[in-house]
Amino acid sequence: MDQSSNFTRGQLERTLSQRIEALYRNQLGHRPTKVTCHLFDEKIAIVMEDAVTPPEQLLARNGQEELAEQVRDDLDRVLQPQLCDLIGEVLGVTVKEILSDAKLDTGRTGMIAILESPPLMREANSKAPPRKVDPA
């Protein structure tokens, strides 16, 4: 999907959500129940529900919260290059940085991806040519 300008914001957000969900399922053997992505100029907010894996949950439930957090940090670090590539492929822009945090008690993971530039996209319900998203 390297021609992101053919897609609307909503289509790009849905595609990202589906691809991120698949990445986590394929790499960790655990599928978050919901992945939500929102584009904001040159940033993407990503929230994953039930993203904490069963081994992390087991560690946390049995008094090993620090170890569970270390496992989560290590998994995030290993997945970040793949996540950067995936986002870049879908949006057609380079990812400069990903900021991430997870809450073991709620199972949620939140990420903010910082893009080199806003992705090209077309207006919803429009045949107009693609445009750069202007900062508000």
C-alpha atoms as a PDB file:
ATOM      1  CA  MET A   1       0.000   0.000   0.000  1.00  0.00           C
ATOM      2  CA  ASP A   2       2.735   2.453  -0.972  1.00  0.00           C
ATOM      3  CA  GLN A   3       0.272   4.782  -2.708  1.00  0.00           C
ATOM      4  CA  SER A   4      -1.240   6.188   0.486  1.00  0.00           C
ATOM      5  CA  SER A   5      -2.509   9.258  -1.395  1.00  0.00           C
ATOM      6  CA  ASN A   6      -5.261   7.095  -2.896  1.00  0.00           C
ATOM      7  CA  PHE A   7      -6.739   6.508   0.557  1.00  0.00           C
ATOM      8  CA  THR A   8      -8.690   8.597   3.057  1.00  0.00           C
ATOM      9  CA  ARG A   9      -7.577   9.219   6.635  1.00  0.00           C
ATOM     10  CA  GLY A  10     -10.110   6.644   7.877  1.00  0.00           C
ATOM     11  CA  GLN A  11      -8.916   4.002   5.420  1.00  0.00           C
ATOM     12  CA  LEU A  12      -5.291   4.553   6.441  1.00  0.00           C
ATOM     13  CA  GLU A  13      -6.182   4.387  10.144  1.00  0.00           C
ATOM     14  CA  ARG A  14      -8.144   1.136   9.664  1.00  0.00           C
ATOM     15  CA  THR A  15      -5.389  -0.440   7.588  1.00  0.00           C
ATOM     16  CA  LEU A  16      -2.787   0.488  10.199  1.00  0.00           C
ATOM     17  CA  SER A  17      -4.947  -0.957  12.978  1.00  0.00           C
ATOM     18  CA  GLN A  18      -5.391  -4.247  11.115  1.00  0.00           C
ATOM     19  CA  ARG A  19      -1.713  -4.543  10.179  1.00  0.00           C
ATOM     20  CA  ILE A  20      -0.518  -3.748  13.726  1.00  0.00           C
ATOM     21  CA  GLU A  21      -2.927  -6.333  15.134  1.00  0.00           C
ATOM     22  CA  ALA A  22      -1.558  -8.908  12.667  1.00  0.00           C
ATOM     23  CA  LEU A  23       2.052  -8.019  13.556  1.00  0.00           C
ATOM     24  CA  TYR A  24       1.418  -8.627  17.246  1.00  0.00           C
ATOM     25  CA  ARG A  25      -0.456 -11.864  16.532  1.00  0.00           C
ATOM     26  CA  ASN A  26       2.294 -13.168  14.234  1.00  0.00           C
ATOM     27  CA  GLN A  27       5.254 -12.109  16.372  1.00  0.00           C
ATOM     28  CA  LEU A  28       3.905 -12.679  19.891  1.00  0.00           C
ATOM     29  CA  GLY A  29       1.203 -15.282  19.327  1.00  0.00           C
ATOM     30  CA  HIS A  30      -1.181 -12.909  21.098  1.00  0.00           C
ATOM     31  CA  ARG A  31      -3.823 -10.776  19.410  1.00  0.00           C
ATOM     32  CA  PRO A  32      -4.887  -7.499  21.047  1.00  0.00           C
ATOM     33  CA  THR A  33      -8.703  -7.349  21.186  1.00  0.00           C
ATOM     34  CA  LYS A  34      -8.759  -3.854  19.706  1.00  0.00           C
ATOM     35  CA  VAL A  35      -6.199  -1.610  17.997  1.00  0.00           C
ATOM     36  CA  THR A  36      -7.157   2.012  17.371  1.00  0.00           C
ATOM     37  CA  CYS A  37      -5.051   4.414  15.291  1.00  0.00           C
ATOM     38  CA  HIS A  38      -5.566   8.157  14.817  1.00  0.00           C
ATOM     39  CA  LEU A  39      -3.515  10.366  12.496  1.00  0.00           C
ATOM     40  CA  PHE A  40      -2.673  13.893  13.659  1.00  0.00           C
ATOM     41  CA  ASP A  41      -0.537  15.742  11.105  1.00  0.00           C
ATOM     42  CA  GLU A  42       2.873  14.096  11.499  1.00  0.00           C
ATOM     43  CA  LYS A  43       1.878  11.956  14.476  1.00  0.00           C
ATOM     44  CA  ILE A  44      -0.081   8.740  14.964  1.00  0.00           C
ATOM     45  CA  ALA A  45      -1.685   7.774  18.266  1.00  0.00           C
ATOM     46  CA  ILE A  46      -2.078   4.014  18.695  1.00  0.00           C
ATOM     47  CA  VAL A  47      -4.018   2.372  21.539  1.00  0.00           C
ATOM     48  CA  MET A  48      -4.137  -1.399  21.945  1.00  0.00           C
ATOM     49  CA  GLU A  49      -6.600  -3.114  24.289  1.00  0.00           C
ATOM     50  CA  ASP A  50      -5.636  -6.425  25.919  1.00  0.00           C
ATOM     51  CA  ALA A  51      -2.129  -6.136  24.484  1.00  0.00           C
ATOM     52  CA  VAL A  52      -0.334  -7.713  27.451  1.00  0.00           C
ATOM     53  CA  THR A  53       0.626 -11.316  26.695  1.00  0.00           C
ATOM     54  CA  PRO A  54      -0.337 -14.257  28.945  1.00  0.00           C
ATOM     55  CA  PRO A  55       3.268 -14.751  30.210  1.00  0.00           C
ATOM     56  CA  GLU A  56       3.427 -11.067  31.243  1.00  0.00           C
ATOM     57  CA  GLN A  57       0.063 -11.405  33.007  1.00  0.00           C
ATOM     58  CA  LEU A  58       1.233 -14.541  34.812  1.00  0.00           C
ATOM     59  CA  LEU A  59       4.384 -12.807  36.044  1.00  0.00           C
ATOM     60  CA  ALA A  60       2.445  -9.749  37.227  1.00  0.00           C
ATOM     61  CA  ARG A  61      -0.199 -11.848  39.045  1.00  0.00           C
ATOM     62  CA  ASN A  62       2.504 -13.752  40.904  1.00  0.00           C
ATOM     63  CA  GLY A  63       4.398 -10.820  42.350  1.00  0.00           C
ATOM     64  CA  GLN A  64       6.886 -10.434  39.502  1.00  0.00           C
ATOM     65  CA  GLU A  65       5.706  -7.013  38.264  1.00  0.00           C
ATOM     66  CA  GLU A  66       9.241  -5.735  37.647  1.00  0.00           C
ATOM     67  CA  LEU A  67      10.112  -8.773  35.549  1.00  0.00           C
ATOM     68  CA  ALA A  68       6.812  -8.473  33.646  1.00  0.00           C
ATOM     69  CA  GLU A  69       7.582  -4.800  32.915  1.00  0.00           C
ATOM     70  CA  GLN A  70      11.099  -5.722  31.765  1.00  0.00           C
ATOM     71  CA  VAL A  71       9.668  -8.380  29.435  1.00  0.00           C
ATOM     72  CA  ARG A  72       7.203  -5.798  28.038  1.00  0.00           C
ATOM     73  CA  ASP A  73      10.011  -3.253  27.515  1.00  0.00           C
ATOM     74  CA  ASP A  74      12.153  -5.869  25.755  1.00  0.00           C
ATOM     75  CA  LEU A  75       9.256  -6.934  23.508  1.00  0.00           C
ATOM     76  CA  ASP A  76       8.542  -3.299  22.605  1.00  0.00           C
ATOM     77  CA  ARG A  77      12.212  -2.714  21.788  1.00  0.00           C
ATOM     78  CA  VAL A  78      12.336  -5.806  19.538  1.00  0.00           C
ATOM     79  CA  LEU A  79       9.063  -4.943  17.752  1.00  0.00           C
ATOM     80  CA  GLN A  80       9.792  -1.236  17.177  1.00  0.00           C
ATOM     81  CA  PRO A  81      11.826  -1.630  13.950  1.00  0.00           C
ATOM     82  CA  GLN A  82       9.088  -3.833  12.458  1.00  0.00           C
ATOM     83  CA  LEU A  83       6.432  -1.362  13.596  1.00  0.00           C
ATOM     84  CA  CYS A  84       8.364   1.542  12.024  1.00  0.00           C
ATOM     85  CA  ASP A  85       8.638  -0.368   8.739  1.00  0.00           C
ATOM     86  CA  LEU A  86       4.937  -1.296   8.789  1.00  0.00           C
ATOM     87  CA  ILE A  87       3.795   2.293   9.455  1.00  0.00           C
ATOM     88  CA  GLY A  88       6.175   3.628   6.802  1.00  0.00           C
ATOM     89  CA  GLU A  89       4.912   1.105   4.264  1.00  0.00           C
ATOM     90  CA  VAL A  90       1.225   1.884   4.887  1.00  0.00           C
ATOM     91  CA  LEU A  91       1.597   5.682   5.037  1.00  0.00           C
ATOM     92  CA  GLY A  92       4.456   6.166   2.588  1.00  0.00           C
ATOM     93  CA  VAL A  93       6.462   8.289   5.066  1.00  0.00           C
ATOM     94  CA  THR A  94       9.423   7.639   7.349  1.00  0.00           C
ATOM     95  CA  VAL A  95       8.845   7.100  11.064  1.00  0.00           C
ATOM     96  CA  LYS A  96      11.330   9.164  13.094  1.00  0.00           C
ATOM     97  CA  GLU A  97      10.507   7.773  16.520  1.00  0.00           C
ATOM     98  CA  ILE A  98       7.981   5.701  18.464  1.00  0.00           C
ATOM     99  CA  LEU A  99       7.119   6.478  22.074  1.00  0.00           C
ATOM    100  CA  SER A 100       5.451   3.610  23.923  1.00  0.00           C
ATOM    101  CA  ASP A 101       4.070   2.653  27.328  1.00  0.00           C
ATOM    102  CA  ALA A 102       2.048  -0.283  28.641  1.00  0.00           C
ATOM    103  CA  LYS A 103      -0.052  -0.752  31.769  1.00  0.00           C
ATOM    104  CA  LEU A 104       0.073  -4.312  33.040  1.00  0.00           C
ATOM    105  CA  ASP A 105      -2.952  -3.813  35.302  1.00  0.00           C
ATOM    106  CA  THR A 106      -5.263  -2.675  32.467  1.00  0.00           C
ATOM    107  CA  GLY A 107      -3.594  -4.549  29.596  1.00  0.00           C
ATOM    108  CA  ARG A 108      -3.478  -1.389  27.475  1.00  0.00           C
ATOM    109  CA  THR A 109      -0.537  -0.233  25.406  1.00  0.00           C
ATOM    110  CA  GLY A 110      -0.280   3.280  24.025  1.00  0.00           C
ATOM    111  CA  MET A 111       2.104   4.506  21.356  1.00  0.00           C
ATOM    112  CA  ILE A 112       2.793   7.735  19.556  1.00  0.00           C
ATOM    113  CA  ALA A 113       4.652   7.476  16.262  1.00  0.00           C
ATOM    114  CA  ILE A 114       6.403  10.644  15.097  1.00  0.00           C
ATOM    115  CA  LEU A 115       6.515  10.880  11.291  1.00  0.00           C
ATOM    116  CA  GLU A 116       8.998  12.760   9.139  1.00  0.00           C
ATOM    117  CA  SER A 117       6.085  14.508   7.400  1.00  0.00           C
ATOM    118  CA  PRO A 118       2.294  14.239   7.231  1.00  0.00           C
ATOM    119  CA  PRO A 119       1.174  11.444   4.876  1.00  0.00           C
ATOM    120  CA  LEU A 120      -0.575  12.202   1.616  1.00  0.00           C
ATOM    121  CA  MET A 121      -4.244  11.289   1.635  1.00  0.00           C
ATOM    122  CA  ARG A 122      -7.406  12.172  -0.190  1.00  0.00           C
ATOM    123  CA  GLU A 123     -10.486  13.786   1.297  1.00  0.00           C
ATOM    124  CA  ALA A 124     -13.279  11.445   2.345  1.00  0.00           C
ATOM    125  CA  ASN A 125     -16.193  11.362  -0.147  1.00  0.00           C
ATOM    126  CA  SER A 126     -14.126  13.274  -2.663  1.00  0.00           C
ATOM    127  CA  LYS A 127     -12.497  12.603  -5.980  1.00  0.00           C
ATOM    128  CA  ALA A 128     -10.232  15.592  -5.368  1.00  0.00           C
ATOM    129  CA  PRO A 129      -6.479  15.129  -5.797  1.00  0.00           C
ATOM    130  CA  PRO A 130      -4.516  14.132  -2.700  1.00  0.00           C
ATOM    131  CA  ARG A 131      -3.268  16.827  -0.383  1.00  0.00           C
ATOM    132  CA  LYS A 132      -0.789  17.172   2.427  1.00  0.00           C
ATOM    133  CA  VAL A 133      -2.449  17.460   5.815  1.00  0.00           C
ATOM    134  CA  ASP A 134      -1.923  21.021   7.059  1.00  0.00           C
ATOM    135  CA  PRO A 135      -1.142  21.473  10.753  1.00  0.00           C
ATOM    136  CA  ALA A 136      -4.096  23.016  12.559  1.00  0.00           C
END
